[in-house]
Amino acid sequence: MVELTDGEIVGELAALDPEPRSASVSTIDPSTLYKIEQSTLQILMAEHPEIVQGIIKELAHRLRVTTAPYGFSF
C-alpha cells in the first residue's frame, strides 16, 4: 500500500494506456479528486509539452521508488 499526499496523482498510466489496471484507490480523509478523460489529456499534452515532461518525471520517480527495494539503480 502506498500513501500519497496533497497534490499527488493517481491513474497516470491509465490516462496514457487504456489497458485495465488492477490498482484501487481509497481516501483516508475527505478529499477532492479531479478526473480528466484520456482524449482531453491527449489534447492538453499536444498543446502543452510541459505536461508531458511532468508525467514523465512522475513515472520516473515512481519507477525509482518501486525498484529501490530490489537494489536497482538508474
Protein backbone atom coordinates (compact mmCIF):
# COMPACT_ATOMS: atom_id res chain seq x y z
CA MET A 1 0.00 0.00 0.00
CA VAL A 2 1.22 3.49 -0.85
CA GLU A 3 0.02 6.64 0.87
CA LEU A 4 0.00 9.77 -1.28
CA THR A 5 -0.02 13.35 -0.04
CA ASP A 6 -1.69 16.54 -1.22
CA GLY A 7 -1.19 17.29 -4.91
CA GLU A 8 -0.01 13.81 -5.91
CA ILE A 9 -1.60 12.00 -8.83
CA VAL A 10 -3.14 8.59 -9.40
CA GLY A 11 -4.15 6.93 -12.63
CA GLU A 12 -1.44 8.46 -14.80
CA LEU A 13 -0.74 5.14 -16.52
CA ALA A 14 -4.42 4.59 -17.22
CA ALA A 15 -4.58 8.04 -18.78
CA LEU A 16 -1.74 7.15 -21.15
CA ASP A 17 -2.59 3.49 -21.79
CA PRO A 18 -6.20 2.29 -21.73
CA GLU A 19 -5.34 -1.28 -20.69
CA PRO A 20 -7.14 -2.43 -17.50
CA ARG A 21 -5.41 -1.77 -14.19
CA SER A 22 -5.50 -3.83 -11.01
CA ALA A 23 -4.92 -0.98 -8.55
CA SER A 24 -7.60 0.69 -6.47
CA VAL A 25 -7.64 3.96 -4.56
CA SER A 26 -9.16 4.80 -1.19
CA THR A 27 -9.03 8.03 0.77
CA ILE A 28 -8.21 8.32 4.44
CA ASP A 29 -9.57 11.85 4.79
CA PRO A 30 -12.30 13.67 2.88
CA SER A 31 -10.76 14.55 -0.48
CA THR A 32 -11.48 16.44 -3.66
CA LEU A 33 -10.46 14.46 -6.73
CA TYR A 34 -10.39 15.59 -10.34
CA LYS A 35 -10.81 13.32 -13.32
CA ILE A 36 -9.51 14.05 -16.81
CA GLU A 37 -10.55 12.00 -19.80
CA GLN A 38 -7.81 10.40 -21.89
CA SER A 39 -8.87 12.33 -25.00
CA THR A 40 -8.70 15.64 -23.14
CA LEU A 41 -5.28 14.78 -21.73
CA GLN A 42 -4.02 13.95 -25.22
CA ILE A 43 -5.09 17.39 -26.45
CA LEU A 44 -3.54 19.14 -23.46
CA MET A 45 -0.25 17.25 -23.89
CA ALA A 46 -0.11 18.22 -27.57
CA GLU A 47 -0.65 21.88 -26.70
CA HIS A 48 1.49 21.98 -23.53
CA PRO A 49 4.71 19.90 -23.65
CA GLU A 50 5.40 20.74 -20.01
CA ILE A 51 2.53 18.41 -19.09
CA VAL A 52 4.30 15.56 -20.87
CA GLN A 53 7.53 16.42 -19.05
CA GLY A 54 5.69 16.39 -15.71
CA ILE A 55 4.12 12.99 -16.40
CA ILE A 56 7.47 11.51 -17.46
CA LYS A 57 9.09 12.92 -14.32
CA GLU A 58 6.37 11.36 -12.14
CA LEU A 59 6.65 7.98 -13.88
CA ALA A 60 10.45 8.01 -13.47
CA HIS A 61 10.09 8.87 -9.77
CA ARG A 62 7.64 6.01 -9.22
CA LEU A 63 9.92 3.60 -11.07
CA ARG A 64 12.84 4.60 -8.82
CA VAL A 65 10.73 4.18 -5.67
CA THR A 66 9.37 0.83 -6.85
CA THR A 67 12.74 -0.64 -7.82
CA ALA A 68 14.83 0.77 -4.93
CA PRO A 69 13.99 -2.10 -2.53
CA TYR A 70 15.40 -4.54 -5.09
CA GLY A 71 18.74 -2.79 -5.39
CA PHE A 72 18.19 -1.49 -8.90
CA SER A 73 19.81 1.83 -9.67
CA PHE A 74 19.01 4.13 -12.56
